[in-house]
Amino acid sequence: MANDLPSIALVDDDPAVLRALSRLLRSHTFLVRTYESGQEFLASLPGGLPDCLIVDLQMPTMSGYELQQHLVRSSFNIPTIMITANRQAGLHQENPGLVAFLLKPLQESTLLAAINRAIDVSRECR
């Protein structure tokens, strides 16, 4: 059943990244929803929480870090994978809810391993 598929929310301001990641993850039988901003993702939350959030660190208006911190302050426990092309970006792994911090270009096996960890965490919490 489609409802049994793990759900992943992708948030990135680059439509090409959204298309490519969405296509890749759907080929691995994940239910994928895409959002071009943190605000768009936040507006979707009344519809239910994803099992995993993949969010770009650097976006206009609301960064991935700001989005993740907002979720934590609002008590939304969504295992999060932060992605960035900025090799200088440094987030502390102790961030609540942060499962992985990955550099673009993403390696498929590394991304899938991080997603599986996030889904495990999500299932343990629910």
PDB file of N, CA and C in Angstrom:
ATOM      1  N   MET A   1       0.829  -1.186   0.000  1.00  0.00           N
ATOM      2  CA  MET A   1       0.000   0.000   0.000  1.00  0.00           C
ATOM      3  C   MET A   1       0.868   1.241   0.000  1.00  0.00           C
ATOM      4  N   ALA A   2       0.434   2.276  -0.685  1.00  0.00           N
ATOM      5  CA  ALA A   2       1.190   3.520  -0.742  1.00  0.00           C
ATOM      6  C   ALA A   2       1.347   4.148   0.639  1.00  0.00           C
ATOM      7  N   ASN A   3       0.353   3.970   1.504  1.00  0.00           N
ATOM      8  CA  ASN A   3       0.428   4.556   2.838  1.00  0.00           C
ATOM      9  C   ASN A   3       1.507   3.911   3.700  1.00  0.00           C
ATOM     10  N   ASP A   4       1.946   2.701   3.336  1.00  0.00           N
ATOM     11  CA  ASP A   4       2.980   2.020   4.095  1.00  0.00           C
ATOM     12  C   ASP A   4       4.377   2.449   3.670  1.00  0.00           C
ATOM     13  N   LEU A   5       4.490   3.175   2.569  1.00  0.00           N
ATOM     14  CA  LEU A   5       5.793   3.629   2.108  1.00  0.00           C
ATOM     15  C   LEU A   5       6.323   4.708   3.038  1.00  0.00           C
ATOM     16  N   PRO A   6       7.618   4.667   3.345  1.00  0.00           N
ATOM     17  CA  PRO A   6       8.199   5.748   4.143  1.00  0.00           C
ATOM     18  C   PRO A   6       8.080   7.070   3.389  1.00  0.00           C
ATOM     19  N   SER A   7       7.716   8.125   4.119  1.00  0.00           N
ATOM     20  CA  SER A   7       7.526   9.423   3.480  1.00  0.00           C
ATOM     21  C   SER A   7       8.714  10.335   3.747  1.00  0.00           C
ATOM     22  N   ILE A   8       9.116  11.021   2.699  1.00  0.00           N
ATOM     23  CA  ILE A   8      10.250  11.933   2.770  1.00  0.00           C
ATOM     24  C   ILE A   8       9.812  13.290   2.249  1.00  0.00           C
ATOM     25  N   ALA A   9      10.148  14.327   2.996  1.00  0.00           N
ATOM     26  CA  ALA A   9       9.917  15.698   2.549  1.00  0.00           C
ATOM     27  C   ALA A   9      11.266  16.261   2.112  1.00  0.00           C
ATOM     28  N   LEU A  10      11.311  16.814   0.900  1.00  0.00           N
ATOM     29  CA  LEU A  10      12.509  17.454   0.362  1.00  0.00           C
ATOM     30  C   LEU A  10      12.274  18.949   0.313  1.00  0.00           C
ATOM     31  N   VAL A  11      13.181  19.726   0.908  1.00  0.00           N
ATOM     32  CA  VAL A  11      13.069  21.183   0.877  1.00  0.00           C
ATOM     33  C   VAL A  11      14.363  21.734   0.299  1.00  0.00           C
ATOM     34  N   ASP A  12      14.254  22.343  -0.876  1.00  0.00           N
ATOM     35  CA  ASP A  12      15.415  22.946  -1.539  1.00  0.00           C
ATOM     36  C   ASP A  12      14.894  24.020  -2.476  1.00  0.00           C
ATOM     37  N   ASP A  13      15.594  25.152  -2.535  1.00  0.00           N
ATOM     38  CA  ASP A  13      15.139  26.239  -3.394  1.00  0.00           C
ATOM     39  C   ASP A  13      15.536  26.030  -4.854  1.00  0.00           C
ATOM     40  N   ASP A  14      16.262  24.972  -5.172  1.00  0.00           N
ATOM     41  CA  ASP A  14      16.687  24.678  -6.542  1.00  0.00           C
ATOM     42  C   ASP A  14      15.761  23.614  -7.136  1.00  0.00           C
ATOM     43  N   PRO A  15      14.910  23.992  -8.093  1.00  0.00           N
ATOM     44  CA  PRO A  15      13.982  23.024  -8.676  1.00  0.00           C
ATOM     45  C   PRO A  15      14.679  21.821  -9.316  1.00  0.00           C
ATOM     46  N   ALA A  16      15.874  22.008  -9.865  1.00  0.00           N
ATOM     47  CA  ALA A  16      16.603  20.895 -10.483  1.00  0.00           C
ATOM     48  C   ALA A  16      17.009  19.867  -9.422  1.00  0.00           C
ATOM     49  N   VAL A  17      17.419  20.328  -8.256  1.00  0.00           N
ATOM     50  CA  VAL A  17      17.775  19.420  -7.162  1.00  0.00           C
ATOM     51  C   VAL A  17      16.531  18.675  -6.696  1.00  0.00           C
ATOM     52  N   LEU A  18      15.434  19.387  -6.560  1.00  0.00           N
ATOM     53  CA  LEU A  18      14.183  18.737  -6.146  1.00  0.00           C
ATOM     54  C   LEU A  18      13.782  17.643  -7.125  1.00  0.00           C
ATOM     55  N   ARG A  19      13.849  17.929  -8.420  1.00  0.00           N
ATOM     56  CA  ARG A  19      13.471  16.940  -9.434  1.00  0.00           C
ATOM     57  C   ARG A  19      14.386  15.715  -9.375  1.00  0.00           C
ATOM     58  N   ALA A  20      15.697  15.958  -9.322  1.00  0.00           N
ATOM     59  CA  ALA A  20      16.651  14.850  -9.347  1.00  0.00           C
ATOM     60  C   ALA A  20      16.526  13.971  -8.098  1.00  0.00           C
ATOM     61  N   LEU A  21      16.484  14.589  -6.925  1.00  0.00           N
ATOM     62  CA  LEU A  21      16.364  13.810  -5.690  1.00  0.00           C
ATOM     63  C   LEU A  21      15.017  13.095  -5.610  1.00  0.00           C
ATOM     64  N   SER A  22      13.976  13.769  -6.015  1.00  0.00           N
ATOM     65  CA  SER A  22      12.647  13.168  -5.994  1.00  0.00           C
ATOM     66  C   SER A  22      12.611  11.923  -6.883  1.00  0.00           C
ATOM     67  N   ARG A  23      13.148  12.040  -8.075  1.00  0.00           N
ATOM     68  CA  ARG A  23      13.182  10.916  -9.015  1.00  0.00           C
ATOM     69  C   ARG A  23      13.987   9.748  -8.415  1.00  0.00           C
ATOM     70  N   LEU A  24      15.149  10.056  -7.854  1.00  0.00           N
ATOM     71  CA  LEU A  24      15.992   9.027  -7.256  1.00  0.00           C
ATOM     72  C   LEU A  24      15.266   8.315  -6.115  1.00  0.00           C
ATOM     73  N   LEU A  25      14.683   9.082  -5.217  1.00  0.00           N
ATOM     74  CA  LEU A  25      14.044   8.481  -4.044  1.00  0.00           C
ATOM     75  C   LEU A  25      12.781   7.710  -4.399  1.00  0.00           C
ATOM     76  N   ARG A  26      12.035   8.178  -5.373  1.00  0.00           N
ATOM     77  CA  ARG A  26      10.849   7.429  -5.808  1.00  0.00           C
ATOM     78  C   ARG A  26      11.255   6.098  -6.425  1.00  0.00           C
ATOM     79  N   SER A  27      12.420   6.065  -7.076  1.00  0.00           N
ATOM     80  CA  SER A  27      12.892   4.806  -7.655  1.00  0.00           C
ATOM     81  C   SER A  27      13.259   3.799  -6.563  1.00  0.00           C
ATOM     82  N   HIS A  28      13.448   4.275  -5.341  1.00  0.00           N
ATOM     83  CA  HIS A  28      13.719   3.411  -4.197  1.00  0.00           C
ATOM     84  C   HIS A  28      12.467   3.226  -3.344  1.00  0.00           C
ATOM     85  N   THR A  29      11.314   3.464  -3.918  1.00  0.00           N
ATOM     86  CA  THR A  29       9.980   3.254  -3.327  1.00  0.00           C
ATOM     87  C   THR A  29       9.693   4.093  -2.089  1.00  0.00           C
ATOM     88  N   PHE A  30      10.183   5.323  -2.072  1.00  0.00           N
ATOM     89  CA  PHE A  30       9.797   6.261  -1.027  1.00  0.00           C
ATOM     90  C   PHE A  30       8.671   7.142  -1.539  1.00  0.00           C
ATOM     91  N   LEU A  31       7.793   7.541  -0.653  1.00  0.00           N
ATOM     92  CA  LEU A  31       6.774   8.533  -0.952  1.00  0.00           C
ATOM     93  C   LEU A  31       7.437   9.892  -0.743  1.00  0.00           C
ATOM     94  N   VAL A  32       7.524  10.704  -1.787  1.00  0.00           N
ATOM     95  CA  VAL A  32       8.292  11.945  -1.735  1.00  0.00           C
ATOM     96  C   VAL A  32       7.396  13.143  -2.010  1.00  0.00           C
ATOM     97  N   ARG A  33       7.552  14.168  -1.159  1.00  0.00           N
ATOM     98  CA  ARG A  33       6.881  15.456  -1.382  1.00  0.00           C
ATOM     99  C   ARG A  33       7.968  16.517  -1.426  1.00  0.00           C
ATOM    100  N   THR A  34       7.837  17.452  -2.354  1.00  0.00           N
ATOM    101  CA  THR A  34       8.868  18.481  -2.519  1.00  0.00           C
ATOM    102  C   THR A  34       8.325  19.864  -2.173  1.00  0.00           C
ATOM    103  N   TYR A  35       9.235  20.695  -1.658  1.00  0.00           N
ATOM    104  CA  TYR A  35       8.899  22.057  -1.241  1.00  0.00           C
ATOM    105  C   TYR A  35      10.065  22.970  -1.615  1.00  0.00           C
ATOM    106  N   GLU A  36       9.742  24.143  -2.131  1.00  0.00           N
ATOM    107  CA  GLU A  36      10.786  25.070  -2.566  1.00  0.00           C
ATOM    108  C   GLU A  36      11.210  26.052  -1.484  1.00  0.00           C
ATOM    109  N   SER A  37      10.601  25.954  -0.298  1.00  0.00           N
ATOM    110  CA  SER A  37      10.995  26.841   0.802  1.00  0.00           C
ATOM    111  C   SER A  37      10.592  26.227   2.131  1.00  0.00           C
ATOM    112  N   GLY A  38      11.229  26.709   3.172  1.00  0.00           N
ATOM    113  CA  GLY A  38      10.870  26.274   4.508  1.00  0.00           C
ATOM    114  C   GLY A  38       9.433  26.638   4.852  1.00  0.00           C
ATOM    115  N   GLN A  39       9.022  27.816   4.433  1.00  0.00           N
ATOM    116  CA  GLN A  39       7.661  28.263   4.715  1.00  0.00           C
ATOM    117  C   GLN A  39       6.626  27.359   4.047  1.00  0.00           C
ATOM    118  N   GLU A  40       6.910  26.945   2.814  1.00  0.00           N
ATOM    119  CA  GLU A  40       5.992  26.050   2.108  1.00  0.00           C
ATOM    120  C   GLU A  40       5.891  24.710   2.854  1.00  0.00           C
ATOM    121  N   PHE A  41       7.032  24.198   3.336  1.00  0.00           N
ATOM    122  CA  PHE A  41       7.012  22.957   4.104  1.00  0.00           C
ATOM    123  C   PHE A  41       6.218  23.125   5.398  1.00  0.00           C
ATOM    124  N   LEU A  42       6.464  24.216   6.134  1.00  0.00           N
ATOM    125  CA  LEU A  42       5.740  24.448   7.390  1.00  0.00           C
ATOM    126  C   LEU A  42       4.235  24.501   7.166  1.00  0.00           C
ATOM    127  N   ALA A  43       3.821  25.086   6.052  1.00  0.00           N
ATOM    128  CA  ALA A  43       2.390  25.172   5.741  1.00  0.00           C
ATOM    129  C   ALA A  43       1.775  23.791   5.509  1.00  0.00           C
ATOM    130  N   SER A  44       2.610  22.805   5.150  1.00  0.00           N
ATOM    131  CA  SER A  44       2.098  21.455   4.873  1.00  0.00           C
ATOM    132  C   SER A  44       1.944  20.602   6.128  1.00  0.00           C
ATOM    133  N   LEU A  45       2.503  21.014   7.243  1.00  0.00           N
ATOM    134  CA  LEU A  45       2.534  20.173   8.448  1.00  0.00           C
ATOM    135  C   LEU A  45       1.170  19.734   8.970  1.00  0.00           C
ATOM    136  N   PRO A  46       0.120  20.559   8.849  1.00  0.00           N
ATOM    137  CA  PRO A  46      -1.182  20.053   9.306  1.00  0.00           C
ATOM    138  C   PRO A  46      -1.627  18.781   8.581  1.00  0.00           C
ATOM    139  N   GLY A  47      -1.045  18.507   7.407  1.00  0.00           N
ATOM    140  CA  GLY A  47      -1.388  17.296   6.652  1.00  0.00           C
ATOM    141  C   GLY A  47      -0.674  16.052   7.147  1.00  0.00           C
ATOM    142  N   GLY A  48       0.233  16.199   8.106  1.00  0.00           N
ATOM    143  CA  GLY A  48       0.952  15.053   8.653  1.00  0.00           C
ATOM    144  C   GLY A  48       2.452  15.224   8.537  1.00  0.00           C
ATOM    145  N   LEU A  49       3.166  14.541   9.415  1.00  0.00           N
ATOM    146  CA  LEU A  49       4.625  14.635   9.446  1.00  0.00           C
ATOM    147  C   LEU A  49       5.261  13.569   8.562  1.00  0.00           C
ATOM    148  N   PRO A  50       6.323  13.933   7.863  1.00  0.00           N
ATOM    149  CA  PRO A  50       7.056  12.926   7.097  1.00  0.00           C
ATOM    150  C   PRO A  50       7.906  12.078   8.039  1.00  0.00           C
ATOM    151  N   ASP A  51       8.369  10.943   7.551  1.00  0.00           N
ATOM    152  CA  ASP A  51       9.278  10.101   8.321  1.00  0.00           C
ATOM    153  C   ASP A  51      10.692  10.681   8.323  1.00  0.00           C
ATOM    154  N   CYS A  52      10.998  11.480   7.302  1.00  0.00           N
ATOM    155  CA  CYS A  52      12.335  12.037   7.152  1.00  0.00           C
ATOM    156  C   CYS A  52      12.229  13.374   6.415  1.00  0.00           C
ATOM    157  N   LEU A  53      13.042  14.321   6.846  1.00  0.00           N
ATOM    158  CA  LEU A  53      13.129  15.630   6.193  1.00  0.00           C
ATOM    159  C   LEU A  53      14.532  15.785   5.638  1.00  0.00           C
ATOM    160  N   ILE A  54      14.625  16.086   4.351  1.00  0.00           N
ATOM    161  CA  ILE A  54      15.904  16.410   3.728  1.00  0.00           C
ATOM    162  C   ILE A  54      15.815  17.877   3.348  1.00  0.00           C
ATOM    163  N   VAL A  55      16.723  18.690   3.898  1.00  0.00           N
ATOM    164  CA  VAL A  55      16.613  20.132   3.705  1.00  0.00           C
ATOM    165  C   VAL A  55      17.970  20.733   3.348  1.00  0.00           C
ATOM    166  N   ASP A  56      17.945  21.651   2.385  1.00  0.00           N
ATOM    167  CA  ASP A  56      19.144  22.370   1.990  1.00  0.00           C
ATOM    168  C   ASP A  56      19.483  23.394   3.074  1.00  0.00           C
ATOM    169  N   LEU A  57      20.757  23.493   3.395  1.00  0.00           N
ATOM    170  CA  LEU A  57      21.191  24.425   4.432  1.00  0.00           C
ATOM    171  C   LEU A  57      20.985  25.873   4.015  1.00  0.00           C
ATOM    172  N   GLN A  58      21.396  26.202   2.788  1.00  0.00           N
ATOM    173  CA  GLN A  58      21.374  27.598   2.362  1.00  0.00           C
ATOM    174  C   GLN A  58      20.225  27.860   1.402  1.00  0.00           C
ATOM    175  N   MET A  59      19.224  28.558   1.929  1.00  0.00           N
ATOM    176  CA  MET A  59      18.074  28.961   1.127  1.00  0.00           C
ATOM    177  C   MET A  59      17.726  30.390   1.518  1.00  0.00           C
ATOM    178  N   PRO A  60      17.140  31.148   0.593  1.00  0.00           N
ATOM    179  CA  PRO A  60      16.737  32.515   0.942  1.00  0.00           C
ATOM    180  C   PRO A  60      15.568  32.507   1.931  1.00  0.00           C
ATOM    181  N   THR A  61      15.417  33.546   2.636  1.00  0.00           N
ATOM    182  CA  THR A  61      14.345  33.781   3.603  1.00  0.00           C
ATOM    183  C   THR A  61      14.489  32.933   4.866  1.00  0.00           C
ATOM    184  N   MET A  62      14.463  31.610   4.735  1.00  0.00           N
ATOM    185  CA  MET A  62      14.608  30.716   5.890  1.00  0.00           C
ATOM    186  C   MET A  62      15.606  29.618   5.517  1.00  0.00           C
ATOM    187  N   SER A  63      16.735  29.606   6.210  1.00  0.00           N
ATOM    188  CA  SER A  63      17.744  28.581   5.925  1.00  0.00           C
ATOM    189  C   SER A  63      17.273  27.228   6.449  1.00  0.00           C
ATOM    190  N   GLY A  64      17.937  26.181   5.997  1.00  0.00           N
ATOM    191  CA  GLY A  64      17.628  24.851   6.501  1.00  0.00           C
ATOM    192  C   GLY A  64      17.838  24.752   8.003  1.00  0.00           C
ATOM    193  N   TYR A  65      18.893  25.401   8.487  1.00  0.00           N
ATOM    194  CA  TYR A  65      19.161  25.415   9.924  1.00  0.00           C
ATOM    195  C   TYR A  65      18.028  26.116  10.675  1.00  0.00           C
ATOM    196  N   GLU A  66      17.570  27.260  10.164  1.00  0.00           N
ATOM    197  CA  GLU A  66      16.464  27.985  10.805  1.00  0.00           C
ATOM    198  C   GLU A  66      15.186  27.147  10.797  1.00  0.00           C
ATOM    199  N   LEU A  67      14.941  26.441   9.687  1.00  0.00           N
ATOM    200  CA  LEU A  67      13.765  25.572   9.606  1.00  0.00           C
ATOM    201  C   LEU A  67      13.856  24.469  10.650  1.00  0.00           C
ATOM    202  N   GLN A  68      15.005  23.826  10.740  1.00  0.00           N
ATOM    203  CA  GLN A  68      15.161  22.748  11.702  1.00  0.00           C
ATOM    204  C   GLN A  68      14.989  23.253  13.131  1.00  0.00           C
ATOM    205  N   GLN A  69      15.552  24.413  13.442  1.00  0.00           N
ATOM    206  CA  GLN A  69      15.422  24.966  14.784  1.00  0.00           C
ATOM    207  C   GLN A  69      13.969  25.326  15.092  1.00  0.00           C
ATOM    208  N   HIS A  70      13.247  25.836  14.115  1.00  0.00           N
ATOM    209  CA  HIS A  70      11.822  26.134  14.291  1.00  0.00           C
ATOM    210  C   HIS A  70      11.052  24.846  14.610  1.00  0.00           C
ATOM    211  N   LEU A  71      11.352  23.781  13.888  1.00  0.00           N
ATOM    212  CA  LEU A  71      10.671  22.506  14.135  1.00  0.00           C
ATOM    213  C   LEU A  71      10.945  22.001  15.546  1.00  0.00           C
ATOM    214  N   VAL A  72      12.195  22.096  15.984  1.00  0.00           N
ATOM    215  CA  VAL A  72      12.561  21.643  17.330  1.00  0.00           C
ATOM    216  C   VAL A  72      11.832  22.469  18.387  1.00  0.00           C
ATOM    217  N   ARG A  73      11.846  23.810  18.220  1.00  0.00           N
ATOM    218  CA  ARG A  73      11.154  24.682  19.195  1.00  0.00           C
ATOM    219  C   ARG A  73       9.658  24.411  19.234  1.00  0.00           C
ATOM    220  N   SER A  74       9.101  23.981  18.098  1.00  0.00           N
ATOM    221  CA  SER A  74       7.659  23.724  18.011  1.00  0.00           C
ATOM    222  C   SER A  74       7.310  22.279  18.363  1.00  0.00           C
ATOM    223  N   SER A  75       8.297  21.536  18.818  1.00  0.00           N
ATOM    224  CA  SER A  75       8.116  20.128  19.228  1.00  0.00           C
ATOM    225  C   SER A  75       7.707  19.203  18.093  1.00  0.00           C
ATOM    226  N   PHE A  76       8.129  19.514  16.875  1.00  0.00           N
ATOM    227  CA  PHE A  76       7.951  18.606  15.748  1.00  0.00           C
ATOM    228  C   PHE A  76       9.219  17.774  15.654  1.00  0.00           C
ATOM    229  N   ASN A  77       9.102  16.492  15.969  1.00  0.00           N
ATOM    230  CA  ASN A  77      10.256  15.605  15.952  1.00  0.00           C
ATOM    231  C   ASN A  77      10.348  14.904  14.607  1.00  0.00           C
ATOM    232  N   ILE A  78      11.077  15.510  13.679  1.00  0.00           N
ATOM    233  CA  ILE A  78      11.246  14.946  12.346  1.00  0.00           C
ATOM    234  C   ILE A  78      12.741  14.709  12.135  1.00  0.00           C
ATOM    235  N   PRO A  79      13.163  13.454  12.026  1.00  0.00           N
ATOM    236  CA  PRO A  79      14.574  13.191  11.757  1.00  0.00           C
ATOM    237  C   PRO A  79      14.988  13.906  10.462  1.00  0.00           C
ATOM    238  N   THR A  80      16.067  14.681  10.558  1.00  0.00           N
ATOM    239  CA  THR A  80      16.438  15.595   9.483  1.00  0.00           C
ATOM    240  C   THR A  80      17.823  15.296   8.933  1.00  0.00           C
ATOM    241  N   ILE A  81      17.916  15.374   7.604  1.00  0.00           N
ATOM    242  CA  ILE A  81      19.189  15.286   6.898  1.00  0.00           C
ATOM    243  C   ILE A  81      19.428  16.654   6.280  1.00  0.00           C
ATOM    244  N   MET A  82      20.506  17.304   6.678  1.00  0.00           N
ATOM    245  CA  MET A  82      20.868  18.615   6.146  1.00  0.00           C
ATOM    246  C   MET A  82      21.832  18.392   4.987  1.00  0.00           C
ATOM    247  N   ILE A  83      21.579  19.082   3.862  1.00  0.00           N
ATOM    248  CA  ILE A  83      22.471  18.972   2.707  1.00  0.00           C
ATOM    249  C   ILE A  83      22.969  20.359   2.327  1.00  0.00           C
ATOM    250  N   THR A  84      24.177  20.415   1.790  1.00  0.00           N
ATOM    251  CA  THR A  84      24.735  21.694   1.366  1.00  0.00           C
ATOM    252  C   THR A  84      25.837  21.477   0.338  1.00  0.00           C
ATOM    253  N   ALA A  85      26.044  22.471  -0.500  1.00  0.00           N
ATOM    254  CA  ALA A  85      27.170  22.470  -1.435  1.00  0.00           C
ATOM    255  C   ALA A  85      28.338  23.257  -0.845  1.00  0.00           C
ATOM    256  N   ASN A  86      28.111  23.905   0.275  1.00  0.00           N
ATOM    257  CA  ASN A  86      29.123  24.751   0.907  1.00  0.00           C
ATOM    258  C   ASN A  86      30.019  23.913   1.816  1.00  0.00           C
ATOM    259  N   ARG A  87      31.220  23.666   1.368  1.00  0.00           N
ATOM    260  CA  ARG A  87      32.162  22.851   2.151  1.00  0.00           C
ATOM    261  C   ARG A  87      32.617  23.563   3.419  1.00  0.00           C
ATOM    262  N   GLN A  88      32.384  24.866   3.509  1.00  0.00           N
ATOM    263  CA  GLN A  88      32.776  25.629   4.688  1.00  0.00           C
ATOM    264  C   GLN A  88      31.703  25.593   5.775  1.00  0.00           C
ATOM    265  N   ALA A  89      30.525  25.133   5.425  1.00  0.00           N
ATOM    266  CA  ALA A  89      29.422  25.103   6.391  1.00  0.00           C
ATOM    267  C   ALA A  89      29.761  24.126   7.508  1.00  0.00           C
ATOM    268  N   GLY A  90      29.536  24.552   8.710  1.00  0.00           N
ATOM    269  CA  GLY A  90      29.826  23.676   9.835  1.00  0.00           C
ATOM    270  C   GLY A  90      28.699  23.680  10.840  1.00  0.00           C
ATOM    271  N   LEU A  91      27.949  22.623  10.872  1.00  0.00           N
ATOM    272  CA  LEU A  91      26.904  22.467  11.880  1.00  0.00           C
ATOM    273  C   LEU A  91      27.373  21.438  12.878  1.00  0.00           C
ATOM    274  N   HIS A  92      26.965  21.609  14.085  1.00  0.00           N
ATOM    275  CA  HIS A  92      27.312  20.641  15.120  1.00  0.00           C
ATOM    276  C   HIS A  92      26.389  19.445  15.021  1.00  0.00           C
ATOM    277  N   GLN A  93      26.955  18.268  15.071  1.00  0.00           N
ATOM    278  CA  GLN A  93      26.164  17.046  14.990  1.00  0.00           C
ATOM    279  C   GLN A  93      25.201  16.896  16.164  1.00  0.00           C
ATOM    280  N   GLU A  94      25.393  17.688  17.237  1.00  0.00           N
ATOM    281  CA  GLU A  94      24.509  17.563  18.391  1.00  0.00           C
ATOM    282  C   GLU A  94      23.145  18.218  18.184  1.00  0.00           C
ATOM    283  N   ASN A  95      22.909  18.825  17.045  1.00  0.00           N
ATOM    284  CA  ASN A  95      21.623  19.473  16.810  1.00  0.00           C
ATOM    285  C   ASN A  95      20.502  18.450  16.966  1.00  0.00           C
ATOM    286  N   PRO A  96      19.525  18.749  17.822  1.00  0.00           N
ATOM    287  CA  PRO A  96      18.416  17.810  18.016  1.00  0.00           C
ATOM    288  C   PRO A  96      17.710  17.519  16.689  1.00  0.00           C
ATOM    289  N   GLY A  97      17.504  16.272  16.428  1.00  0.00           N
ATOM    290  CA  GLY A  97      16.783  15.872  15.223  1.00  0.00           C
ATOM    291  C   GLY A  97      17.664  15.696  14.005  1.00  0.00           C
ATOM    292  N   LEU A  98      18.895  16.173  14.039  1.00  0.00           N
ATOM    293  CA  LEU A  98      19.780  16.068  12.881  1.00  0.00           C
ATOM    294  C   LEU A  98      20.393  14.671  12.836  1.00  0.00           C
ATOM    295  N   VAL A  99      20.068  13.930  11.777  1.00  0.00           N
ATOM    296  CA  VAL A  99      20.552  12.566  11.608  1.00  0.00           C
ATOM    297  C   VAL A  99      21.850  12.545  10.813  1.00  0.00           C
ATOM    298  N   ALA A 100      21.960  13.459   9.821  1.00  0.00           N
ATOM    299  CA  ALA A 100      23.151  13.491   8.976  1.00  0.00           C
ATOM    300  C   ALA A 100      23.323  14.882   8.388  1.00  0.00           C
ATOM    301  N   PHE A 101      24.560  15.194   8.080  1.00  0.00           N
ATOM    302  CA  PHE A 101      24.938  16.434   7.410  1.00  0.00           C
ATOM    303  C   PHE A 101      25.756  16.014   6.199  1.00  0.00           C
ATOM    304  N   LEU A 102      25.184  16.179   4.980  1.00  0.00           N
ATOM    305  CA  LEU A 102      25.810  15.668   3.768  1.00  0.00           C
ATOM    306  C   LEU A 102      26.171  16.787   2.796  1.00  0.00           C
ATOM    307  N   LEU A 103      27.305  16.593   2.120  1.00  0.00           N
ATOM    308  CA  LEU A 103      27.755  17.557   1.128  1.00  0.00           C
ATOM    309  C   LEU A 103      27.291  17.154  -0.267  1.00  0.00           C
ATOM    310  N   LYS A 104      26.856  18.152  -1.037  1.00  0.00           N
ATOM    311  CA  LYS A 104      26.529  17.944  -2.446  1.00  0.00           C
ATOM    312  C   LYS A 104      27.837  17.962  -3.230  1.00  0.00           C
ATOM    313  N   PRO A 105      27.971  17.225  -4.293  1.00  0.00           N
ATOM    314  CA  PRO A 105      26.977  16.289  -4.815  1.00  0.00           C
ATOM    315  C   PRO A 105      26.832  15.085  -3.887  1.00  0.00           C
ATOM    316  N   LEU A 106      25.598  14.679  -3.718  1.00  0.00           N
ATOM    317  CA  LEU A 106      25.290  13.593  -2.797  1.00  0.00           C
ATOM    318  C   LEU A 106      25.665  12.243  -3.400  1.00  0.00           C
ATOM    319  N   GLN A 107      26.216  11.398  -2.571  1.00  0.00           N
ATOM    320  CA  GLN A 107      26.495  10.017  -2.961  1.00  0.00           C
ATOM    321  C   GLN A 107      25.248   9.198  -2.653  1.00  0.00           C
ATOM    322  N   GLU A 108      24.730   8.476  -3.629  1.00  0.00           N
ATOM    323  CA  GLU A 108      23.479   7.739  -3.458  1.00  0.00           C
ATOM    324  C   GLU A 108      23.514   6.810  -2.254  1.00  0.00           C
ATOM    325  N   SER A 109      24.566   6.030  -2.099  1.00  0.00           N
ATOM    326  CA  SER A 109      24.614   5.066  -0.990  1.00  0.00           C
ATOM    327  C   SER A 109      24.650   5.773   0.363  1.00  0.00           C
ATOM    328  N   THR A 110      25.363   6.881   0.455  1.00  0.00           N
ATOM    329  CA  THR A 110      25.441   7.646   1.704  1.00  0.00           C
ATOM    330  C   THR A 110      24.082   8.249   2.037  1.00  0.00           C
ATOM    331  N   LEU A 111      23.420   8.809   1.029  1.00  0.00           N
ATOM    332  CA  LEU A 111      22.095   9.393   1.229  1.00  0.00           C
ATOM    333  C   LEU A 111      21.093   8.334   1.673  1.00  0.00           C
ATOM    334  N   LEU A 112      21.091   7.191   1.002  1.00  0.00           N
ATOM    335  CA  LEU A 112      20.136   6.134   1.360  1.00  0.00           C
ATOM    336  C   LEU A 112      20.398   5.598   2.765  1.00  0.00           C
ATOM    337  N   ALA A 113      21.656   5.486   3.154  1.00  0.00           N
ATOM    338  CA  ALA A 113      21.969   5.045   4.517  1.00  0.00           C
ATOM    339  C   ALA A 113      21.455   6.049   5.541  1.00  0.00           C
ATOM    340  N   ALA A 114      21.623   7.339   5.263  1.00  0.00           N
ATOM    341  CA  ALA A 114      21.128   8.383   6.170  1.00  0.00           C
ATOM    342  C   ALA A 114      19.601   8.354   6.242  1.00  0.00           C
ATOM    343  N   ILE A 115      18.943   8.163   5.113  1.00  0.00           N
ATOM    344  CA  ILE A 115      17.480   8.091   5.097  1.00  0.00           C
ATOM    345  C   ILE A 115      17.000   6.896   5.916  1.00  0.00           C
ATOM    346  N   ASN A 116      17.646   5.760   5.755  1.00  0.00           N
ATOM    347  CA  ASN A 116      17.246   4.575   6.530  1.00  0.00           C
ATOM    348  C   ASN A 116      17.427   4.809   8.026  1.00  0.00           C
ATOM    349  N   ARG A 117      18.506   5.498   8.432  1.00  0.00           N
ATOM    350  CA  ARG A 117      18.685   5.843   9.845  1.00  0.00           C
ATOM    351  C   ARG A 117      17.552   6.750  10.312  1.00  0.00           C
ATOM    352  N   ALA A 118      17.207   7.746   9.490  1.00  0.00           N
ATOM    353  CA  ALA A 118      16.140   8.688   9.848  1.00  0.00           C
ATOM    354  C   ALA A 118      14.805   7.961   9.993  1.00  0.00           C
ATOM    355  N   ILE A 119      14.519   7.049   9.095  1.00  0.00           N
ATOM    356  CA  ILE A 119      13.258   6.303   9.170  1.00  0.00           C
ATOM    357  C   ILE A 119      13.223   5.427  10.417  1.00  0.00           C
ATOM    358  N   ASP A 120      14.351   4.811  10.748  1.00  0.00           N
ATOM    359  CA  ASP A 120      14.429   4.016  11.988  1.00  0.00           C
ATOM    360  C   ASP A 120      14.139   4.882  13.203  1.00  0.00           C
ATOM    361  N   VAL A 121      14.746   6.080  13.248  1.00  0.00           N
ATOM    362  CA  VAL A 121      14.520   6.998  14.357  1.00  0.00           C
ATOM    363  C   VAL A 121      13.058   7.403  14.409  1.00  0.00           C
ATOM    364  N   SER A 122      12.494   7.708  13.258  1.00  0.00           N
ATOM    365  CA  SER A 122      11.096   8.128  13.185  1.00  0.00           C
ATOM    366  C   SER A 122      10.167   7.038  13.714  1.00  0.00           C
ATOM    367  N   ARG A 123      10.414   5.806  13.338  1.00  0.00           N
ATOM    368  CA  ARG A 123       9.562   4.695  13.770  1.00  0.00           C
ATOM    369  C   ARG A 123       9.710   4.431  15.267  1.00  0.00           C
ATOM    370  N   GLU A 124      10.912   4.642  15.806  1.00  0.00           N
ATOM    371  CA  GLU A 124      11.127   4.464  17.243  1.00  0.00           C
ATOM    372  C   GLU A 124      10.369   5.503  18.061  1.00  0.00           C
ATOM    373  N   CYS A 125      10.237   6.707  17.496  1.00  0.00           N
ATOM    374  CA  CYS A 125       9.602   7.814  18.211  1.00  0.00           C
ATOM    375  C   CYS A 125       8.096   7.796  18.109  1.00  0.00           C
ATOM    376  N   ARG A 126       7.542   7.069  17.169  1.00  0.00           N
ATOM    377  CA  ARG A 126       6.086   7.105  16.962  1.00  0.00           C
ATOM    378  C   ARG A 126       5.392   5.904  17.503  1.00  0.00           C
TER     379      ARG A 126
END
